[in-house]
Amino acid sequence: MRRSNKPRPDGSTAPTDRRGPRRRPRLRPSASMAVALMALFVALGGTSYAAIKITGKNVKNSSLTGADIKNGSLGGTDVRNRSLTSGDLSSGTISSLRGQSGPRGQSGPAGQSGPAGPTGPTGATGTFGTVTTRSVSYTGGNPVTASCLAGEVAVGGGAEAFVSNSYVRASTPTPTFGTPTGWAGQTLNTSNAAVPGVVYAICARR
């Protein structure tokens, strides 16, 4: 290749190529430089992109926990109406939401009688033994007493008149206080005159 000297503006000469002036070589970035630049652009612009574009569709279900939500950041407008149940509330919250007791409702109809229960066990032997009726006739005067025998107590008694238009004026255990051992009685007519009758005591052995 032949070169010629071409005058320069300052009067000197410089070798030239007959094919024209020489061109400077272009600088091309290497592959590692391209990767580094791309990572830099993503790092600078990725944060603002995520803050604008991330929605509920970009979050995996059940991936967020209570630690990921700032305290006091959620309000009533962030919860769908009627989406919470009693299982989502604490016992203290449920108690505070309880209203006053309402008026008492009307009584319902009586239920049907239930089946008879099984026969119960035999009870213990009572404290009294044989029961006997002791009696005495009344013919007049003060009340008379039908007395129990020794070892017996009066557990009841009464009096009866044998004449019509009459009544029992007295019928009481004796003694009146303490353990009764007999029964006193008196029968009179409507004129308060004594009429025949009978007084009896129901006596039981101790």
C-alpha atoms as a PDB file:
ATOM      1  CA  MET A   1       0.000   0.000   0.000  1.00  0.00           C
ATOM      2  CA  ARG A   2       1.417   3.376  -1.041  1.00  0.00           C
ATOM      3  CA  ARG A   3       1.273   6.407   1.176  1.00  0.00           C
ATOM      4  CA  SER A   4       1.695  10.054   0.149  1.00  0.00           C
ATOM      5  CA  ASN A   5       2.543  13.118   2.134  1.00  0.00           C
ATOM      6  CA  LYS A   6      -0.342  15.552   2.265  1.00  0.00           C
ATOM      7  CA  PRO A   7       0.357  19.100   3.417  1.00  0.00           C
ATOM      8  CA  ARG A   8      -1.065  19.959   6.894  1.00  0.00           C
ATOM      9  CA  PRO A   9      -2.565  23.328   7.743  1.00  0.00           C
ATOM     10  CA  ASP A  10       0.638  24.247   9.584  1.00  0.00           C
ATOM     11  CA  GLY A  11       2.693  23.509   6.491  1.00  0.00           C
ATOM     12  CA  SER A  12       3.926  20.053   7.559  1.00  0.00           C
ATOM     13  CA  THR A  13       3.089  16.929   5.734  1.00  0.00           C
ATOM     14  CA  ALA A  14       1.421  13.725   7.036  1.00  0.00           C
ATOM     15  CA  PRO A  15       1.271  10.385   5.364  1.00  0.00           C
ATOM     16  CA  THR A  16      -2.107   9.561   3.865  1.00  0.00           C
ATOM     17  CA  ASP A  17      -3.604   6.447   2.468  1.00  0.00           C
ATOM     18  CA  ARG A  18      -4.740   6.528  -1.078  1.00  0.00           C
ATOM     19  CA  ARG A  19      -8.025   4.966   0.003  1.00  0.00           C
ATOM     20  CA  GLY A  20      -8.841   7.992   2.192  1.00  0.00           C
ATOM     21  CA  PRO A  21      -8.304   9.155   5.803  1.00  0.00           C
ATOM     22  CA  ARG A  22      -8.045   6.449   8.506  1.00  0.00           C
ATOM     23  CA  ARG A  23     -11.133   5.856  10.789  1.00  0.00           C
ATOM     24  CA  ARG A  24     -10.937   5.444  14.593  1.00  0.00           C
ATOM     25  CA  PRO A  25     -12.003   1.943  15.905  1.00  0.00           C
ATOM     26  CA  ARG A  26     -15.397   1.752  17.753  1.00  0.00           C
ATOM     27  CA  LEU A  27     -15.459   0.655  21.415  1.00  0.00           C
ATOM     28  CA  ARG A  28     -17.879  -2.210  22.110  1.00  0.00           C
ATOM     29  CA  PRO A  29     -18.798  -3.167  25.771  1.00  0.00           C
ATOM     30  CA  SER A  30     -18.008  -6.668  26.859  1.00  0.00           C
ATOM     31  CA  ALA A  31     -20.682  -9.175  27.938  1.00  0.00           C
ATOM     32  CA  SER A  32     -19.846  -8.771  31.660  1.00  0.00           C
ATOM     33  CA  MET A  33     -20.181  -5.000  31.358  1.00  0.00           C
ATOM     34  CA  ALA A  34     -23.636  -5.387  29.757  1.00  0.00           C
ATOM     35  CA  VAL A  35     -24.832  -7.637  32.594  1.00  0.00           C
ATOM     36  CA  ALA A  36     -23.529  -5.201  35.216  1.00  0.00           C
ATOM     37  CA  LEU A  37     -25.316  -2.260  33.585  1.00  0.00           C
ATOM     38  CA  MET A  38     -28.567  -4.210  33.402  1.00  0.00           C
ATOM     39  CA  ALA A  39     -28.377  -5.116  37.113  1.00  0.00           C
ATOM     40  CA  LEU A  40     -27.753  -1.447  37.958  1.00  0.00           C
ATOM     41  CA  PHE A  41     -30.852  -0.336  36.033  1.00  0.00           C
ATOM     42  CA  VAL A  42     -33.017  -2.968  37.753  1.00  0.00           C
ATOM     43  CA  ALA A  43     -31.706  -1.981  41.200  1.00  0.00           C
ATOM     44  CA  LEU A  44     -32.411   1.710  40.585  1.00  0.00           C
ATOM     45  CA  GLY A  45     -35.871   1.322  39.065  1.00  0.00           C
ATOM     46  CA  GLY A  46     -37.173  -1.910  40.590  1.00  0.00           C
ATOM     47  CA  THR A  47     -38.288  -0.461  43.967  1.00  0.00           C
ATOM     48  CA  SER A  48     -40.516   2.255  42.553  1.00  0.00           C
ATOM     49  CA  TYR A  49     -41.981  -0.233  40.094  1.00  0.00           C
ATOM     50  CA  ALA A  50     -42.931  -2.670  42.858  1.00  0.00           C
ATOM     51  CA  ALA A  51     -44.479   0.049  45.010  1.00  0.00           C
ATOM     52  CA  ILE A  52     -46.824   0.980  42.203  1.00  0.00           C
ATOM     53  CA  LYS A  53     -47.588  -2.345  40.556  1.00  0.00           C
ATOM     54  CA  ILE A  54     -47.879  -4.912  43.464  1.00  0.00           C
ATOM     55  CA  THR A  55     -51.516  -5.879  44.210  1.00  0.00           C
ATOM     56  CA  GLY A  56     -53.280  -8.713  46.022  1.00  0.00           C
ATOM     57  CA  LYS A  57     -52.881 -10.893  42.933  1.00  0.00           C
ATOM     58  CA  ASN A  58     -49.092 -10.678  43.302  1.00  0.00           C
ATOM     59  CA  VAL A  59     -49.152 -12.041  46.903  1.00  0.00           C
ATOM     60  CA  LYS A  60     -49.356 -15.786  47.493  1.00  0.00           C
ATOM     61  CA  ASN A  61     -52.321 -16.894  49.597  1.00  0.00           C
ATOM     62  CA  SER A  62     -51.505 -17.518  53.296  1.00  0.00           C
ATOM     63  CA  SER A  63     -48.015 -16.053  52.844  1.00  0.00           C
ATOM     64  CA  LEU A  64     -48.572 -12.921  54.998  1.00  0.00           C
ATOM     65  CA  THR A  65     -48.677 -13.119  58.813  1.00  0.00           C
ATOM     66  CA  GLY A  66     -49.535 -10.682  61.597  1.00  0.00           C
ATOM     67  CA  ALA A  67     -45.875  -9.675  61.799  1.00  0.00           C
ATOM     68  CA  ASP A  68     -46.090  -8.361  58.206  1.00  0.00           C
ATOM     69  CA  ILE A  69     -48.911  -5.898  59.047  1.00  0.00           C
ATOM     70  CA  LYS A  70     -48.209  -2.709  60.963  1.00  0.00           C
ATOM     71  CA  ASN A  71     -50.211  -2.288  64.168  1.00  0.00           C
ATOM     72  CA  GLY A  72     -53.100   0.123  63.710  1.00  0.00           C
ATOM     73  CA  SER A  73     -52.708   0.139  59.924  1.00  0.00           C
ATOM     74  CA  LEU A  74     -56.006  -1.663  59.235  1.00  0.00           C
ATOM     75  CA  GLY A  75     -59.369   0.019  59.787  1.00  0.00           C
ATOM     76  CA  GLY A  76     -63.005  -0.908  59.429  1.00  0.00           C
ATOM     77  CA  THR A  77     -62.971   0.084  55.760  1.00  0.00           C
ATOM     78  CA  ASP A  78     -60.282  -2.563  55.114  1.00  0.00           C
ATOM     79  CA  VAL A  79     -62.548  -5.431  56.293  1.00  0.00           C
ATOM     80  CA  ARG A  80     -65.370  -6.721  54.141  1.00  0.00           C
ATOM     81  CA  ASN A  81     -68.802  -6.364  55.779  1.00  0.00           C
ATOM     82  CA  ARG A  82     -70.045  -9.517  57.542  1.00  0.00           C
ATOM     83  CA  SER A  83     -66.778 -11.331  56.797  1.00  0.00           C
ATOM     84  CA  LEU A  84     -65.752 -11.730  60.487  1.00  0.00           C
ATOM     85  CA  THR A  85     -67.333 -14.334  62.797  1.00  0.00           C
ATOM     86  CA  SER A  86     -67.254 -14.846  66.573  1.00  0.00           C
ATOM     87  CA  GLY A  87     -64.299 -17.179  66.066  1.00  0.00           C
ATOM     88  CA  ASP A  88     -62.218 -14.204  64.862  1.00  0.00           C
ATOM     89  CA  LEU A  89     -62.889 -12.167  68.048  1.00  0.00           C
ATOM     90  CA  SER A  90     -61.480 -12.531  71.551  1.00  0.00           C
ATOM     91  CA  SER A  91     -63.724 -13.481  74.482  1.00  0.00           C
ATOM     92  CA  GLY A  92     -63.265  -9.994  75.960  1.00  0.00           C
ATOM     93  CA  THR A  93     -64.455  -8.361  72.734  1.00  0.00           C
ATOM     94  CA  ILE A  94     -67.486 -10.654  72.576  1.00  0.00           C
ATOM     95  CA  SER A  95     -68.405  -9.824  76.192  1.00  0.00           C
ATOM     96  CA  SER A  96     -68.182  -6.090  75.490  1.00  0.00           C
ATOM     97  CA  LEU A  97     -70.546  -6.472  72.525  1.00  0.00           C
ATOM     98  CA  ARG A  98     -73.208  -8.276  74.602  1.00  0.00           C
ATOM     99  CA  GLY A  99     -76.352  -6.171  74.973  1.00  0.00           C
ATOM    100  CA  GLN A 100     -78.773  -5.904  77.878  1.00  0.00           C
ATOM    101  CA  SER A 101     -81.052  -8.816  78.733  1.00  0.00           C
ATOM    102  CA  GLY A 102     -84.364  -8.690  76.940  1.00  0.00           C
ATOM    103  CA  PRO A 103     -87.783  -9.089  78.566  1.00  0.00           C
ATOM    104  CA  ARG A 104     -88.799 -12.511  79.776  1.00  0.00           C
ATOM    105  CA  GLY A 105     -90.741 -14.499  77.221  1.00  0.00           C
ATOM    106  CA  GLN A 106     -94.070 -16.183  77.777  1.00  0.00           C
ATOM    107  CA  SER A 107     -94.157 -19.568  79.480  1.00  0.00           C
ATOM    108  CA  GLY A 108     -94.339 -22.458  77.085  1.00  0.00           C
ATOM    109  CA  PRO A 109     -96.896 -25.256  77.263  1.00  0.00           C
ATOM    110  CA  ALA A 110     -96.412 -27.992  79.850  1.00  0.00           C
ATOM    111  CA  GLY A 111     -94.513 -30.990  78.591  1.00  0.00           C
ATOM    112  CA  GLN A 112     -95.786 -34.522  78.587  1.00  0.00           C
ATOM    113  CA  SER A 113     -95.403 -36.658  81.702  1.00  0.00           C
ATOM    114  CA  GLY A 114     -92.329 -38.786  81.620  1.00  0.00           C
ATOM    115  CA  PRO A 115     -92.337 -42.555  82.147  1.00  0.00           C
ATOM    116  CA  ALA A 116     -92.457 -43.936  85.678  1.00  0.00           C
ATOM    117  CA  GLY A 117     -89.063 -44.456  87.230  1.00  0.00           C
ATOM    118  CA  PRO A 118     -87.821 -47.752  88.623  1.00  0.00           C
ATOM    119  CA  THR A 119     -88.875 -48.890  92.083  1.00  0.00           C
ATOM    120  CA  GLY A 120     -86.577 -47.527  94.727  1.00  0.00           C
ATOM    121  CA  PRO A 121     -84.779 -49.603  97.331  1.00  0.00           C
ATOM    122  CA  THR A 122     -86.581 -50.688 100.490  1.00  0.00           C
ATOM    123  CA  GLY A 123     -86.304 -48.097 103.219  1.00  0.00           C
ATOM    124  CA  ALA A 124     -84.858 -48.622 106.649  1.00  0.00           C
ATOM    125  CA  THR A 125     -87.018 -50.072 109.390  1.00  0.00           C
ATOM    126  CA  GLY A 126     -88.978 -47.398 111.239  1.00  0.00           C
ATOM    127  CA  THR A 127     -88.422 -46.475 114.858  1.00  0.00           C
ATOM    128  CA  PHE A 128     -91.911 -47.675 115.931  1.00  0.00           C
ATOM    129  CA  GLY A 129     -93.148 -51.224 116.222  1.00  0.00           C
ATOM    130  CA  THR A 130     -96.711 -52.536 116.407  1.00  0.00           C
ATOM    131  CA  VAL A 131     -99.506 -49.940 116.147  1.00  0.00           C
ATOM    132  CA  THR A 132    -102.656 -50.445 118.259  1.00  0.00           C
ATOM    133  CA  THR A 133    -105.838 -48.415 118.831  1.00  0.00           C
ATOM    134  CA  ARG A 134    -106.742 -47.794 122.517  1.00  0.00           C
ATOM    135  CA  SER A 135    -110.219 -46.373 123.300  1.00  0.00           C
ATOM    136  CA  VAL A 136    -112.353 -45.205 126.240  1.00  0.00           C
ATOM    137  CA  SER A 137    -116.070 -44.294 126.462  1.00  0.00           C
ATOM    138  CA  TYR A 138    -117.207 -40.775 127.319  1.00  0.00           C
ATOM    139  CA  THR A 139    -120.442 -40.348 129.293  1.00  0.00           C
ATOM    140  CA  GLY A 140    -120.186 -36.806 130.632  1.00  0.00           C
ATOM    141  CA  GLY A 141    -118.185 -34.301 132.600  1.00  0.00           C
ATOM    142  CA  ASN A 142    -114.612 -33.300 131.772  1.00  0.00           C
ATOM    143  CA  PRO A 143    -112.752 -34.739 128.793  1.00  0.00           C
ATOM    144  CA  VAL A 144    -111.581 -38.316 129.199  1.00  0.00           C
ATOM    145  CA  THR A 145    -108.266 -39.783 128.037  1.00  0.00           C
ATOM    146  CA  ALA A 146    -107.588 -42.973 126.094  1.00  0.00           C
ATOM    147  CA  SER A 147    -104.110 -43.946 127.365  1.00  0.00           C
ATOM    148  CA  CYS A 148    -101.453 -46.029 125.659  1.00  0.00           C
ATOM    149  CA  LEU A 149     -99.746 -48.918 127.477  1.00  0.00           C
ATOM    150  CA  ALA A 150     -96.264 -48.718 128.923  1.00  0.00           C
ATOM    151  CA  GLY A 151     -93.658 -48.645 126.162  1.00  0.00           C
ATOM    152  CA  GLU A 152     -96.123 -47.098 123.678  1.00  0.00           C
ATOM    153  CA  VAL A 153     -96.554 -43.541 122.402  1.00  0.00           C
ATOM    154  CA  ALA A 154     -99.614 -41.887 120.905  1.00  0.00           C
ATOM    155  CA  VAL A 155     -99.097 -41.113 117.223  1.00  0.00           C
ATOM    156  CA  GLY A 156    -102.712 -40.003 116.633  1.00  0.00           C
ATOM    157  CA  GLY A 157    -106.249 -40.098 117.999  1.00  0.00           C
ATOM    158  CA  GLY A 158    -109.756 -38.648 117.910  1.00  0.00           C
ATOM    159  CA  ALA A 159    -113.300 -38.582 119.382  1.00  0.00           C
ATOM    160  CA  GLU A 160    -116.804 -39.439 118.119  1.00  0.00           C
ATOM    161  CA  ALA A 161    -120.313 -38.638 119.489  1.00  0.00           C
ATOM    162  CA  PHE A 162    -123.086 -41.256 119.402  1.00  0.00           C
ATOM    163  CA  VAL A 163    -125.985 -38.758 119.420  1.00  0.00           C
ATOM    164  CA  SER A 164    -127.235 -36.606 116.567  1.00  0.00           C
ATOM    165  CA  ASN A 165    -127.022 -32.831 116.785  1.00  0.00           C
ATOM    166  CA  SER A 166    -123.790 -33.087 118.734  1.00  0.00           C
ATOM    167  CA  TYR A 167    -120.136 -32.216 118.208  1.00  0.00           C
ATOM    168  CA  VAL A 168    -116.632 -32.961 119.439  1.00  0.00           C
ATOM    169  CA  ARG A 169    -115.625 -30.224 121.826  1.00  0.00           C
ATOM    170  CA  ALA A 170    -112.133 -31.474 122.609  1.00  0.00           C
ATOM    171  CA  SER A 171    -109.694 -33.770 120.768  1.00  0.00           C
ATOM    172  CA  THR A 172    -106.015 -33.398 121.690  1.00  0.00           C
ATOM    173  CA  PRO A 173    -102.924 -35.472 122.547  1.00  0.00           C
ATOM    174  CA  THR A 174    -101.860 -35.744 126.189  1.00  0.00           C
ATOM    175  CA  PRO A 175     -99.690 -34.424 127.528  1.00  0.00           C
ATOM    176  CA  THR A 176     -99.855 -31.398 125.249  1.00  0.00           C
ATOM    177  CA  PHE A 177     -96.056 -30.879 125.459  1.00  0.00           C
ATOM    178  CA  GLY A 178     -93.445 -33.603 125.211  1.00  0.00           C
ATOM    179  CA  THR A 179     -94.012 -37.189 124.062  1.00  0.00           C
ATOM    180  CA  PRO A 180     -97.775 -37.952 123.941  1.00  0.00           C
ATOM    181  CA  THR A 181     -98.899 -41.123 125.699  1.00  0.00           C
ATOM    182  CA  GLY A 182    -102.660 -40.828 125.168  1.00  0.00           C
ATOM    183  CA  TRP A 183    -105.527 -38.880 123.578  1.00  0.00           C
ATOM    184  CA  ALA A 184    -108.191 -36.791 125.347  1.00  0.00           C
ATOM    185  CA  GLY A 185    -111.681 -36.006 124.043  1.00  0.00           C
ATOM    186  CA  GLN A 186    -115.157 -34.674 124.920  1.00  0.00           C
ATOM    187  CA  THR A 187    -118.522 -34.745 123.072  1.00  0.00           C
ATOM    188  CA  LEU A 188    -121.447 -32.299 123.634  1.00  0.00           C
ATOM    189  CA  ASN A 189    -124.790 -31.496 122.028  1.00  0.00           C
ATOM    190  CA  THR A 190    -125.863 -28.109 120.668  1.00  0.00           C
ATOM    191  CA  SER A 191    -126.969 -27.097 124.166  1.00  0.00           C
ATOM    192  CA  ASN A 192    -123.417 -27.829 125.444  1.00  0.00           C
ATOM    193  CA  ALA A 193    -124.647 -30.790 127.455  1.00  0.00           C
ATOM    194  CA  ALA A 194    -122.559 -33.949 127.584  1.00  0.00           C
ATOM    195  CA  VAL A 195    -123.615 -36.773 125.250  1.00  0.00           C
ATOM    196  CA  PRO A 196    -122.261 -40.317 125.017  1.00  0.00           C
ATOM    197  CA  GLY A 197    -119.264 -40.816 122.797  1.00  0.00           C
ATOM    198  CA  VAL A 198    -115.904 -42.529 122.455  1.00  0.00           C
ATOM    199  CA  VAL A 199    -112.281 -41.287 122.562  1.00  0.00           C
ATOM    200  CA  TYR A 200    -109.506 -43.296 120.975  1.00  0.00           C
ATOM    201  CA  ALA A 201    -105.731 -43.113 120.772  1.00  0.00           C
ATOM    202  CA  ILE A 202    -103.485 -44.669 118.095  1.00  0.00           C
ATOM    203  CA  CYS A 203    -100.550 -46.116 120.009  1.00  0.00           C
ATOM    204  CA  ALA A 204     -97.263 -47.451 118.620  1.00  0.00           C
ATOM    205  CA  ARG A 205     -94.582 -49.409 120.438  1.00  0.00           C
ATOM    206  CA  ARG A 206     -91.249 -47.635 120.651  1.00  0.00           C
END
